[in-house]
PDB file of N, CA and C in Angstrom:
ATOM      1  N   MET A   1     -96.623 -20.658  91.128  1.00  0.00           N
ATOM      2  CA  MET A   1     -95.930 -21.311  92.204  1.00  0.00           C
ATOM      3  C   MET A   1     -96.949 -21.781  93.244  1.00  0.00           C
ATOM      4  N   ALA A   2     -96.949 -23.049  93.569  1.00  0.00           N
ATOM      5  CA  ALA A   2     -97.854 -23.591  94.574  1.00  0.00           C
ATOM      6  C   ALA A   2     -97.500 -23.034  95.961  1.00  0.00           C
ATOM      7  N   VAL A   3     -98.547 -22.917  96.814  1.00  0.00           N
ATOM      8  CA  VAL A   3     -98.329 -22.388  98.160  1.00  0.00           C
ATOM      9  C   VAL A   3     -98.994 -23.271  99.195  1.00  0.00           C
ATOM     10  N   ILE A   4     -98.463 -23.169 100.405  1.00  0.00           N
ATOM     11  CA  ILE A   4     -99.030 -23.811 101.593  1.00  0.00           C
ATOM     12  C   ILE A   4     -99.654 -22.676 102.406  1.00  0.00           C
ATOM     13  N   VAL A   5    -100.903 -22.824 102.781  1.00  0.00           N
ATOM     14  CA  VAL A   5    -101.597 -21.820 103.583  1.00  0.00           C
ATOM     15  C   VAL A   5    -101.946 -22.454 104.921  1.00  0.00           C
ATOM     16  N   THR A   6    -101.438 -21.853 106.002  1.00  0.00           N
ATOM     17  CA  THR A   6    -101.683 -22.355 107.351  1.00  0.00           C
ATOM     18  C   THR A   6    -102.499 -21.323 108.127  1.00  0.00           C
ATOM     19  N   VAL A   7    -103.578 -21.783 108.741  1.00  0.00           N
ATOM     20  CA  VAL A   7    -104.427 -20.913 109.536  1.00  0.00           C
ATOM     21  C   VAL A   7    -104.503 -21.492 110.944  1.00  0.00           C
ATOM     22  N   GLU A   8    -104.103 -20.708 111.921  1.00  0.00           N
ATOM     23  CA  GLU A   8    -104.189 -21.106 113.338  1.00  0.00           C
ATOM     24  C   GLU A   8    -105.392 -20.366 113.906  1.00  0.00           C
ATOM     25  N   ILE A   9    -106.305 -21.107 114.534  1.00  0.00           N
ATOM     26  CA  ILE A   9    -107.520 -20.522 115.094  1.00  0.00           C
ATOM     27  C   ILE A   9    -107.524 -20.781 116.610  1.00  0.00           C
ATOM     28  N   PRO A  10    -106.978 -19.856 117.396  1.00  0.00           N
ATOM     29  CA  PRO A  10    -106.980 -20.034 118.851  1.00  0.00           C
ATOM     30  C   PRO A  10    -108.413 -20.177 119.360  1.00  0.00           C
ATOM     31  N   GLY A  11    -108.651 -21.200 120.151  1.00  0.00           N
ATOM     32  CA  GLY A  11    -109.978 -21.439 120.700  1.00  0.00           C
ATOM     33  C   GLY A  11    -110.969 -22.022 119.708  1.00  0.00           C
ATOM     34  N   GLY A  12    -110.522 -22.264 118.473  1.00  0.00           N
ATOM     35  CA  GLY A  12    -111.404 -22.855 117.462  1.00  0.00           C
ATOM     36  C   GLY A  12    -111.830 -24.241 117.859  1.00  0.00           C
ATOM     37  N   THR A  13    -113.031 -24.626 117.456  1.00  0.00           N
ATOM     38  CA  THR A  13    -113.570 -25.926 117.841  1.00  0.00           C
ATOM     39  C   THR A  13    -113.898 -26.773 116.617  1.00  0.00           C
ATOM     40  N   ARG A  14    -114.043 -28.054 116.843  1.00  0.00           N
ATOM     41  CA  ARG A  14    -114.421 -28.965 115.777  1.00  0.00           C
ATOM     42  C   ARG A  14    -115.800 -28.564 115.222  1.00  0.00           C
ATOM     43  N   GLU A  15    -116.712 -28.173 116.092  1.00  0.00           N
ATOM     44  CA  GLU A  15    -118.054 -27.768 115.641  1.00  0.00           C
ATOM     45  C   GLU A  15    -117.961 -26.566 114.684  1.00  0.00           C
ATOM     46  N   GLN A  16    -117.174 -25.556 115.036  1.00  0.00           N
ATOM     47  CA  GLN A  16    -117.004 -24.399 114.155  1.00  0.00           C
ATOM     48  C   GLN A  16    -116.387 -24.833 112.819  1.00  0.00           C
ATOM     49  N   TYR A  17    -115.387 -25.694 112.912  1.00  0.00           N
ATOM     50  CA  TYR A  17    -114.739 -26.173 111.688  1.00  0.00           C
ATOM     51  C   TYR A  17    -115.748 -26.904 110.791  1.00  0.00           C
ATOM     52  N   GLU A  18    -116.516 -27.805 111.379  1.00  0.00           N
ATOM     53  CA  GLU A  18    -117.484 -28.566 110.583  1.00  0.00           C
ATOM     54  C   GLU A  18    -118.553 -27.662 109.980  1.00  0.00           C
ATOM     55  N   GLN A  19    -118.997 -26.650 110.723  1.00  0.00           N
ATOM     56  CA  GLN A  19    -119.971 -25.691 110.178  1.00  0.00           C
ATOM     57  C   GLN A  19    -119.373 -24.918 109.009  1.00  0.00           C
ATOM     58  N   SER A  20    -118.144 -24.441 109.196  1.00  0.00           N
ATOM     59  CA  SER A  20    -117.527 -23.640 108.125  1.00  0.00           C
ATOM     60  C   SER A  20    -117.260 -24.495 106.896  1.00  0.00           C
ATOM     61  N   THR A  21    -116.833 -25.733 107.093  1.00  0.00           N
ATOM     62  CA  THR A  21    -116.582 -26.626 105.967  1.00  0.00           C
ATOM     63  C   THR A  21    -117.863 -26.923 105.198  1.00  0.00           C
ATOM     64  N   ALA A  22    -118.951 -27.146 105.915  1.00  0.00           N
ATOM     65  CA  ALA A  22    -120.227 -27.383 105.251  1.00  0.00           C
ATOM     66  C   ALA A  22    -120.667 -26.176 104.444  1.00  0.00           C
ATOM     67  N   GLN A  23    -120.460 -24.986 104.981  1.00  0.00           N
ATOM     68  CA  GLN A  23    -120.829 -23.766 104.267  1.00  0.00           C
ATOM     69  C   GLN A  23    -120.011 -23.611 102.985  1.00  0.00           C
ATOM     70  N   VAL A  24    -118.699 -23.796 103.117  1.00  0.00           N
ATOM     71  CA  VAL A  24    -117.806 -23.599 101.964  1.00  0.00           C
ATOM     72  C   VAL A  24    -118.038 -24.663 100.897  1.00  0.00           C
ATOM     73  N   THR A  25    -118.053 -25.922 101.277  1.00  0.00           N
ATOM     74  CA  THR A  25    -118.190 -26.973 100.277  1.00  0.00           C
ATOM     75  C   THR A  25    -119.601 -27.033  99.678  1.00  0.00           C
ATOM     76  N   GLY A  26    -120.565 -26.367 100.329  1.00  0.00           N
ATOM     77  CA  GLY A  26    -121.913 -26.290  99.797  1.00  0.00           C
ATOM     78  C   GLY A  26    -122.128 -25.084  98.892  1.00  0.00           C
ATOM     79  N   ALA A  27    -121.130 -24.221  98.790  1.00  0.00           N
ATOM     80  CA  ALA A  27    -121.258 -23.018  97.958  1.00  0.00           C
ATOM     81  C   ALA A  27    -121.256 -23.390  96.473  1.00  0.00           C
ATOM     82  N   GLU A  28    -121.954 -22.576  95.682  1.00  0.00           N
ATOM     83  CA  GLU A  28    -122.064 -22.869  94.243  1.00  0.00           C
ATOM     84  C   GLU A  28    -120.723 -22.773  93.532  1.00  0.00           C
ATOM     85  N   TRP A  29    -119.755 -22.094  94.129  1.00  0.00           N
ATOM     86  CA  TRP A  29    -118.448 -21.928  93.502  1.00  0.00           C
ATOM     87  C   TRP A  29    -117.440 -23.001  93.941  1.00  0.00           C
ATOM     88  N   TRP A  30    -117.880 -23.949  94.749  1.00  0.00           N
ATOM     89  CA  TRP A  30    -116.959 -25.003  95.218  1.00  0.00           C
ATOM     90  C   TRP A  30    -116.843 -26.082  94.167  1.00  0.00           C
ATOM     91  N   PRO A  31    -115.682 -26.623  93.862  1.00  0.00           N
ATOM     92  CA  PRO A  31    -114.358 -26.262  94.373  1.00  0.00           C
ATOM     93  C   PRO A  31    -113.815 -25.030  93.653  1.00  0.00           C
ATOM     94  N   PRO A  32    -113.070 -24.197  94.377  1.00  0.00           N
ATOM     95  CA  PRO A  32    -112.537 -22.982  93.773  1.00  0.00           C
ATOM     96  C   PRO A  32    -111.327 -23.266  92.896  1.00  0.00           C
ATOM     97  N   LYS A  33    -111.095 -22.352  91.962  1.00  0.00           N
ATOM     98  CA  LYS A  33    -109.926 -22.452  91.073  1.00  0.00           C
ATOM     99  C   LYS A  33    -108.656 -22.512  91.910  1.00  0.00           C
ATOM    100  N   GLY A  34    -107.758 -23.416  91.558  1.00  0.00           N
ATOM    101  CA  GLY A  34    -106.453 -23.506  92.190  1.00  0.00           C
ATOM    102  C   GLY A  34    -106.368 -24.327  93.448  1.00  0.00           C
ATOM    103  N   PHE A  35    -107.503 -24.808  93.970  1.00  0.00           N
ATOM    104  CA  PHE A  35    -107.508 -25.630  95.184  1.00  0.00           C
ATOM    105  C   PHE A  35    -106.873 -26.965  94.911  1.00  0.00           C
ATOM    106  N   ILE A  36    -105.940 -27.391  95.765  1.00  0.00           N
ATOM    107  CA  ILE A  36    -105.294 -28.691  95.614  1.00  0.00           C
ATOM    108  C   ILE A  36    -105.720 -29.672  96.703  1.00  0.00           C
ATOM    109  N   ALA A  37    -105.529 -29.269  97.961  1.00  0.00           N
ATOM    110  CA  ALA A  37    -105.820 -30.188  99.082  1.00  0.00           C
ATOM    111  C   ALA A  37    -106.033 -29.393 100.361  1.00  0.00           C
ATOM    112  N   HIS A  38    -106.612 -30.071 101.344  1.00  0.00           N
ATOM    113  CA  HIS A  38    -106.978 -29.446 102.626  1.00  0.00           C
ATOM    114  C   HIS A  38    -106.830 -30.486 103.741  1.00  0.00           C
ATOM    115  N   ALA A  39    -106.343 -30.033 104.900  1.00  0.00           N
ATOM    116  CA  ALA A  39    -106.298 -30.866 106.103  1.00  0.00           C
ATOM    117  C   ALA A  39    -106.541 -29.958 107.297  1.00  0.00           C
ATOM    118  N   ALA A  40    -107.140 -30.503 108.346  1.00  0.00           N
ATOM    119  CA  ALA A  40    -107.413 -29.710 109.538  1.00  0.00           C
ATOM    120  C   ALA A  40    -107.510 -30.617 110.751  1.00  0.00           C
ATOM    121  N   GLY A  41    -107.271 -30.039 111.931  1.00  0.00           N
ATOM    122  CA  GLY A  41    -107.404 -30.780 113.166  1.00  0.00           C
ATOM    123  C   GLY A  41    -107.025 -29.930 114.346  1.00  0.00           C
ATOM    124  N   PRO A  42    -107.173 -30.485 115.547  1.00  0.00           N
ATOM    125  CA  PRO A  42    -106.809 -29.757 116.757  1.00  0.00           C
ATOM    126  C   PRO A  42    -105.322 -29.385 116.736  1.00  0.00           C
ATOM    127  N   ASP A  43    -104.998 -28.220 117.287  1.00  0.00           N
ATOM    128  CA  ASP A  43    -103.603 -27.785 117.251  1.00  0.00           C
ATOM    129  C   ASP A  43    -102.794 -28.215 118.467  1.00  0.00           C
ATOM    130  N   GLY A  44    -103.414 -28.885 119.423  1.00  0.00           N
ATOM    131  CA  GLY A  44    -102.702 -29.367 120.593  1.00  0.00           C
ATOM    132  C   GLY A  44    -102.677 -28.359 121.742  1.00  0.00           C
ATOM    133  N   SER A  45    -103.181 -27.161 121.519  1.00  0.00           N
ATOM    134  CA  SER A  45    -103.182 -26.160 122.596  1.00  0.00           C
ATOM    135  C   SER A  45    -104.569 -25.518 122.751  1.00  0.00           C
ATOM    136  N   GLY A  46    -105.608 -26.245 122.427  1.00  0.00           N
ATOM    137  CA  GLY A  46    -106.965 -25.755 122.620  1.00  0.00           C
ATOM    138  C   GLY A  46    -107.557 -25.001 121.441  1.00  0.00           C
ATOM    139  N   GLY A  47    -106.918 -25.073 120.292  1.00  0.00           N
ATOM    140  CA  GLY A  47    -107.427 -24.398 119.103  1.00  0.00           C
ATOM    141  C   GLY A  47    -107.514 -25.343 117.937  1.00  0.00           C
ATOM    142  N   TRP A  48    -107.554 -24.769 116.762  1.00  0.00           N
ATOM    143  CA  TRP A  48    -107.723 -25.552 115.542  1.00  0.00           C
ATOM    144  C   TRP A  48    -106.717 -25.079 114.487  1.00  0.00           C
ATOM    145  N   ARG A  49    -106.191 -25.993 113.704  1.00  0.00           N
ATOM    146  CA  ARG A  49    -105.238 -25.666 112.647  1.00  0.00           C
ATOM    147  C   ARG A  49    -105.780 -26.172 111.311  1.00  0.00           C
ATOM    148  N   VAL A  50    -105.660 -25.299 110.288  1.00  0.00           N
ATOM    149  CA  VAL A  50    -106.059 -25.643 108.936  1.00  0.00           C
ATOM    150  C   VAL A  50    -104.851 -25.475 108.021  1.00  0.00           C
ATOM    151  N   VAL A  51    -104.589 -26.468 107.186  1.00  0.00           N
ATOM    152  CA  VAL A  51    -103.491 -26.395 106.232  1.00  0.00           C
ATOM    153  C   VAL A  51    -104.055 -26.715 104.850  1.00  0.00           C
ATOM    154  N   ASP A  52    -103.895 -25.762 103.937  1.00  0.00           N
ATOM    155  CA  ASP A  52    -104.373 -25.928 102.579  1.00  0.00           C
ATOM    156  C   ASP A  52    -103.199 -25.828 101.612  1.00  0.00           C
ATOM    157  N   PHE A  53    -103.403 -26.395 100.433  1.00  0.00           N
ATOM    158  CA  PHE A  53    -102.437 -26.319  99.342  1.00  0.00           C
ATOM    159  C   PHE A  53    -103.157 -25.732  98.146  1.00  0.00           C
ATOM    160  N   TRP A  54    -102.545 -24.729  97.525  1.00  0.00           N
ATOM    161  CA  TRP A  54    -103.144 -23.995  96.392  1.00  0.00           C
ATOM    162  C   TRP A  54    -102.134 -23.854  95.275  1.00  0.00           C
ATOM    163  N   ASP A  55    -102.642 -23.718  94.046  1.00  0.00           N
ATOM    164  CA  ASP A  55    -101.756 -23.507  92.899  1.00  0.00           C
ATOM    165  C   ASP A  55    -101.006 -22.193  93.012  1.00  0.00           C
ATOM    166  N   SER A  56    -101.634 -21.177  93.635  1.00  0.00           N
ATOM    167  CA  SER A  56    -100.972 -19.878  93.784  1.00  0.00           C
ATOM    168  C   SER A  56    -101.578 -19.108  94.930  1.00  0.00           C
ATOM    169  N   GLU A  57    -100.871 -18.100  95.394  1.00  0.00           N
ATOM    170  CA  GLU A  57    -101.408 -17.218  96.446  1.00  0.00           C
ATOM    171  C   GLU A  57    -102.616 -16.460  95.926  1.00  0.00           C
ATOM    172  N   ASP A  58    -102.587 -16.047  94.673  1.00  0.00           N
ATOM    173  CA  ASP A  58    -103.736 -15.345  94.089  1.00  0.00           C
ATOM    174  C   ASP A  58    -104.997 -16.199  94.105  1.00  0.00           C
ATOM    175  N   ASP A  59    -104.857 -17.490  93.810  1.00  0.00           N
ATOM    176  CA  ASP A  59    -106.009 -18.394  93.866  1.00  0.00           C
ATOM    177  C   ASP A  59    -106.557 -18.476  95.284  1.00  0.00           C
ATOM    178  N   PHE A  60    -105.656 -18.582  96.251  1.00  0.00           N
ATOM    179  CA  PHE A  60    -106.104 -18.619  97.642  1.00  0.00           C
ATOM    180  C   PHE A  60    -106.826 -17.331  98.034  1.00  0.00           C
ATOM    181  N   LEU A  61    -106.262 -16.188  97.671  1.00  0.00           N
ATOM    182  CA  LEU A  61    -106.866 -14.904  98.022  1.00  0.00           C
ATOM    183  C   LEU A  61    -108.248 -14.733  97.398  1.00  0.00           C
ATOM    184  N   ALA A  62    -108.430 -15.220  96.165  1.00  0.00           N
ATOM    185  CA  ALA A  62    -109.748 -15.171  95.526  1.00  0.00           C
ATOM    186  C   ALA A  62    -110.742 -16.033  96.301  1.00  0.00           C
ATOM    187  N   PHE A  63    -110.312 -17.209  96.745  1.00  0.00           N
ATOM    188  CA  PHE A  63    -111.145 -18.073  97.567  1.00  0.00           C
ATOM    189  C   PHE A  63    -111.498 -17.380  98.875  1.00  0.00           C
ATOM    190  N   ALA A  64    -110.504 -16.808  99.544  1.00  0.00           N
ATOM    191  CA  ALA A  64    -110.721 -16.162 100.840  1.00  0.00           C
ATOM    192  C   ALA A  64    -111.767 -15.062 100.734  1.00  0.00           C
ATOM    193  N   LYS A  65    -111.713 -14.316  99.660  1.00  0.00           N
ATOM    194  CA  LYS A  65    -112.674 -13.228  99.447  1.00  0.00           C
ATOM    195  C   LYS A  65    -114.121 -13.768  99.346  1.00  0.00           C
ATOM    196  N   LYS A  66    -114.282 -14.899  98.656  1.00  0.00           N
ATOM    197  CA  LYS A  66    -115.597 -15.519  98.537  1.00  0.00           C
ATOM    198  C   LYS A  66    -116.051 -16.150  99.865  1.00  0.00           C
ATOM    199  N   ALA A  67    -115.103 -16.762 100.580  1.00  0.00           N
ATOM    200  CA  ALA A  67    -115.448 -17.532 101.773  1.00  0.00           C
ATOM    201  C   ALA A  67    -115.649 -16.670 103.021  1.00  0.00           C
ATOM    202  N   GLN A  68    -115.043 -15.494 103.090  1.00  0.00           N
ATOM    203  CA  GLN A  68    -115.088 -14.674 104.280  1.00  0.00           C
ATOM    204  C   GLN A  68    -116.510 -14.404 104.780  1.00  0.00           C
ATOM    205  N   PRO A  69    -117.461 -14.034 103.890  1.00  0.00           N
ATOM    206  CA  PRO A  69    -118.826 -13.833 104.388  1.00  0.00           C
ATOM    207  C   PRO A  69    -119.447 -15.086 105.008  1.00  0.00           C
ATOM    208  N   LEU A  70    -119.087 -16.246 104.484  1.00  0.00           N
ATOM    209  CA  LEU A  70    -119.594 -17.496 105.059  1.00  0.00           C
ATOM    210  C   LEU A  70    -119.035 -17.715 106.451  1.00  0.00           C
ATOM    211  N   PHE A  71    -117.722 -17.441 106.619  1.00  0.00           N
ATOM    212  CA  PHE A  71    -117.101 -17.586 107.936  1.00  0.00           C
ATOM    213  C   PHE A  71    -117.683 -16.590 108.930  1.00  0.00           C
ATOM    214  N   GLU A  72    -117.909 -15.367 108.503  1.00  0.00           N
ATOM    215  CA  GLU A  72    -118.488 -14.349 109.381  1.00  0.00           C
ATOM    216  C   GLU A  72    -119.879 -14.750 109.833  1.00  0.00           C
ATOM    217  N   ARG A  73    -120.650 -15.348 108.947  1.00  0.00           N
ATOM    218  CA  ARG A  73    -122.027 -15.745 109.242  1.00  0.00           C
ATOM    219  C   ARG A  73    -122.089 -16.717 110.421  1.00  0.00           C
ATOM    220  N   ILE A  74    -121.084 -17.581 110.562  1.00  0.00           N
ATOM    221  CA  ILE A  74    -121.112 -18.550 111.663  1.00  0.00           C
ATOM    222  C   ILE A  74    -120.256 -18.102 112.851  1.00  0.00           C
ATOM    223  N   GLY A  75    -119.743 -16.859 112.798  1.00  0.00           N
ATOM    224  CA  GLY A  75    -119.026 -16.315 113.928  1.00  0.00           C
ATOM    225  C   GLY A  75    -117.552 -16.655 114.020  1.00  0.00           C
ATOM    226  N   MET A  76    -116.971 -17.082 112.908  1.00  0.00           N
ATOM    227  CA  MET A  76    -115.532 -17.382 112.909  1.00  0.00           C
ATOM    228  C   MET A  76    -114.764 -16.048 112.942  1.00  0.00           C
ATOM    229  N   PRO A  77    -113.710 -15.963 113.726  1.00  0.00           N
ATOM    230  CA  PRO A  77    -112.934 -14.728 113.737  1.00  0.00           C
ATOM    231  C   PRO A  77    -112.132 -14.561 112.457  1.00  0.00           C
ATOM    232  N   THR A  78    -111.800 -13.319 112.106  1.00  0.00           N
ATOM    233  CA  THR A  78    -110.924 -13.066 110.974  1.00  0.00           C
ATOM    234  C   THR A  78    -109.505 -13.379 111.392  1.00  0.00           C
ATOM    235  N   ILE A  79    -108.866 -14.260 110.667  1.00  0.00           N
ATOM    236  CA  ILE A  79    -107.508 -14.730 110.990  1.00  0.00           C
ATOM    237  C   ILE A  79    -106.610 -14.460 109.796  1.00  0.00           C
ATOM    238  N   MET A  80    -105.414 -13.993 110.044  1.00  0.00           N
ATOM    239  CA  MET A  80    -104.445 -13.802 108.982  1.00  0.00           C
ATOM    240  C   MET A  80    -103.684 -15.110 108.776  1.00  0.00           C
ATOM    241  N   PRO A  81    -103.805 -15.716 107.612  1.00  0.00           N
ATOM    242  CA  PRO A  81    -103.117 -16.973 107.359  1.00  0.00           C
ATOM    243  C   PRO A  81    -101.628 -16.760 107.080  1.00  0.00           C
ATOM    244  N   LYS A  82    -100.880 -17.799 107.266  1.00  0.00           N
ATOM    245  CA  LYS A  82     -99.455 -17.804 106.884  1.00  0.00           C
ATOM    246  C   LYS A  82     -99.392 -18.479 105.514  1.00  0.00           C
ATOM    247  N   VAL A  83     -98.791 -17.761 104.543  1.00  0.00           N
ATOM    248  CA  VAL A  83     -98.664 -18.299 103.187  1.00  0.00           C
ATOM    249  C   VAL A  83     -97.180 -18.469 102.890  1.00  0.00           C
ATOM    250  N   GLN A  84     -96.809 -19.651 102.425  1.00  0.00           N
ATOM    251  CA  GLN A  84     -95.408 -19.899 102.089  1.00  0.00           C
ATOM    252  C   GLN A  84     -95.321 -20.735 100.811  1.00  0.00           C
ATOM    253  N   GLU A  85     -94.233 -20.587 100.120  1.00  0.00           N
ATOM    254  CA  GLU A  85     -94.016 -21.334  98.886  1.00  0.00           C
ATOM    255  C   GLU A  85     -93.919 -22.831  99.204  1.00  0.00           C
ATOM    256  N   ALA A  86     -94.512 -23.621  98.327  1.00  0.00           N
ATOM    257  CA  ALA A  86     -94.418 -25.068  98.459  1.00  0.00           C
ATOM    258  C   ALA A  86     -93.360 -25.579  97.482  1.00  0.00           C
ATOM    259  N   THR A  87     -92.370 -26.256  97.984  1.00  0.00           N
ATOM    260  CA  THR A  87     -91.352 -26.843  97.130  1.00  0.00           C
ATOM    261  C   THR A  87     -91.895 -28.076  96.431  1.00  0.00           C
ATOM    262  N   ASN A  88     -92.760 -28.824  97.134  1.00  0.00           N
ATOM    263  CA  ASN A  88     -93.279 -30.054  96.592  1.00  0.00           C
ATOM    264  C   ASN A  88     -94.577 -30.408  97.286  1.00  0.00           C
ATOM    265  N   ILE A  89     -95.514 -30.943  96.539  1.00  0.00           N
ATOM    266  CA  ILE A  89     -96.764 -31.456  97.118  1.00  0.00           C
ATOM    267  C   ILE A  89     -96.947 -32.871  96.549  1.00  0.00           C
ATOM    268  N   VAL A  90     -97.087 -33.835  97.445  1.00  0.00           N
ATOM    269  CA  VAL A  90     -97.258 -35.212  97.012  1.00  0.00           C
ATOM    270  C   VAL A  90     -98.638 -35.673  97.477  1.00  0.00           C
ATOM    271  N   LEU A  91     -99.432 -36.168  96.559  1.00  0.00           N
ATOM    272  CA  LEU A  91    -100.743 -36.710  96.883  1.00  0.00           C
ATOM    273  C   LEU A  91    -100.740 -38.203  96.648  1.00  0.00           C
ATOM    274  N   ARG A  92    -101.466 -38.901  97.414  1.00  0.00           N
ATOM    275  CA  ARG A  92    -101.526 -40.340  97.308  1.00  0.00           C
ATOM    276  C   ARG A  92    -102.263 -40.739  96.076  1.00  0.00           C
TER     277      ARG A  92
END
């Protein structure tokens, strides 16, 4: 079952996001199994929002385990994502 993963990062900045994205996409394991799509941007209240689409929650959790040390290295806080079932994902 595909899932939508939403991460709200209070106080997160574009610079932090760009650093973390460079770290993740530069990893030898990128792209991870089950990754479908990613979008991110300011949340409108001084933070940052990330929305990902994955084939399954297990695929996302495996990615998170690999990515966490990269996020910690650049000082990103540990955030609990919201995971919900995706009824449909449409890509252009």
